Amino acid sequence: MEIKKGWVSGRVQGVGFRYFTQQTAESLGLEGYAKNLSDGRVEVLLSGPSSRITEAQQALTLGPELARVSSVEWMDVDAESAMAGFRIL
């Protein structure tokens, strides 16, 4: 199992990006969360098999139709960050 935390920049708030992230993660059997940050980015935590995380990362680079993703930064995090299910915070 792998855990990645990411920060998605661009037009990603108010366009259904967190719900898109949840649907993508759940369809791939991933756990974690998506939450809006005060600076306009969305923070994402993904936990699961690395191949499925890679699939989710590729999808989040595009986002939903109304989103305009300008950049995504990812980092590995430790197992203490894991959570059950996927939540929108």
Protein backbone atom coordinates (compact mmCIF):
# COMPACT_ATOMS: atom_id res chain seq x y z
CA MET A 1 0.00 0.00 0.00
CA GLU A 2 1.13 3.51 -0.83
CA ILE A 3 -0.07 6.88 0.45
CA LYS A 4 0.27 10.12 -1.50
CA LYS A 5 -0.74 13.66 -0.59
CA GLY A 6 -1.24 16.19 -3.34
CA TRP A 7 -2.09 19.84 -3.86
CA VAL A 8 -4.03 20.71 -6.98
CA SER A 9 -3.83 24.30 -8.26
CA GLY A 10 -5.88 26.14 -10.86
CA ARG A 11 -9.61 26.55 -11.17
CA VAL A 12 -10.43 23.67 -8.86
CA GLN A 13 -12.88 25.09 -6.30
CA GLY A 14 -16.56 25.53 -7.07
CA VAL A 15 -16.38 23.23 -10.12
CA GLY A 16 -17.06 19.82 -8.53
CA PHE A 17 -13.40 18.88 -8.25
CA ARG A 18 -13.70 17.28 -4.79
CA TYR A 19 -16.68 15.18 -5.89
CA PHE A 20 -14.82 14.17 -9.06
CA THR A 21 -11.88 13.15 -6.86
CA GLN A 22 -14.15 11.11 -4.60
CA GLN A 23 -15.79 9.31 -7.52
CA THR A 24 -12.40 8.60 -9.10
CA ALA A 25 -10.91 7.30 -5.85
CA GLU A 26 -13.90 5.14 -4.96
CA SER A 27 -14.06 3.64 -8.46
CA LEU A 28 -10.41 2.59 -8.02
CA GLY A 29 -10.90 1.30 -4.48
CA LEU A 30 -8.76 4.04 -2.93
CA GLU A 31 -9.19 5.70 0.45
CA GLY A 32 -8.40 9.23 1.58
CA TYR A 33 -9.91 12.69 1.32
CA ALA A 34 -10.26 15.86 -0.73
CA LYS A 35 -10.59 19.29 0.85
CA ASN A 36 -10.59 22.90 -0.24
CA LEU A 37 -7.77 25.09 1.06
CA SER A 38 -8.09 28.80 1.79
CA ASP A 39 -5.52 29.60 -0.92
CA GLY A 40 -7.75 28.17 -3.69
CA ARG A 41 -6.05 24.79 -4.01
CA VAL A 42 -7.53 21.37 -3.26
CA GLU A 43 -5.60 19.01 -0.99
CA VAL A 44 -5.95 15.31 -1.80
CA LEU A 45 -4.88 12.22 0.12
CA LEU A 46 -4.87 8.89 -1.73
CA SER A 47 -4.18 5.53 -0.10
CA GLY A 48 -4.04 2.16 -1.84
CA PRO A 49 -2.11 0.13 -4.41
CA SER A 50 0.45 2.26 -6.25
CA SER A 51 -0.87 1.37 -9.73
CA ARG A 52 -4.36 2.61 -8.78
CA ILE A 53 -2.95 5.76 -7.20
CA THR A 54 -1.13 6.44 -10.47
CA GLU A 55 -4.44 6.09 -12.36
CA ALA A 56 -6.11 8.54 -9.98
CA GLN A 57 -3.23 11.00 -10.27
CA GLN A 58 -3.57 10.99 -14.05
CA ALA A 59 -7.32 11.63 -13.82
CA LEU A 60 -6.84 14.47 -11.32
CA THR A 61 -4.39 16.17 -13.68
CA LEU A 62 -7.38 16.68 -16.00
CA GLY A 63 -10.18 17.04 -13.44
CA PRO A 64 -13.87 17.44 -14.24
CA GLU A 65 -15.07 19.37 -17.29
CA LEU A 66 -15.34 22.79 -15.61
CA ALA A 67 -11.98 22.57 -13.83
CA ARG A 68 -8.74 23.97 -15.18
CA VAL A 69 -5.83 22.26 -13.45
CA SER A 70 -2.63 24.29 -13.73
CA SER A 71 -0.38 22.10 -11.55
CA VAL A 72 -0.36 19.22 -9.11
CA GLU A 73 2.34 18.55 -6.53
CA TRP A 74 2.59 15.10 -4.89
CA MET A 75 4.56 13.75 -1.95
CA ASP A 76 4.76 10.40 -0.17
CA VAL A 77 3.36 10.34 3.35
CA ASP A 78 3.59 7.78 6.14
CA ALA A 79 1.01 5.18 7.07
CA GLU A 80 -0.21 7.25 10.02
CA SER A 81 -2.01 9.45 7.50
CA ALA A 82 -4.19 6.56 6.25
CA MET A 83 -7.93 6.68 6.78
CA ALA A 84 -10.86 4.39 6.10
CA GLY A 85 -13.05 5.21 3.11
CA PHE A 86 -12.94 8.41 1.11
CA ARG A 87 -14.24 11.70 2.51
CA ILE A 88 -14.83 15.20 1.32
CA LEU A 89 -13.64 17.51 4.04
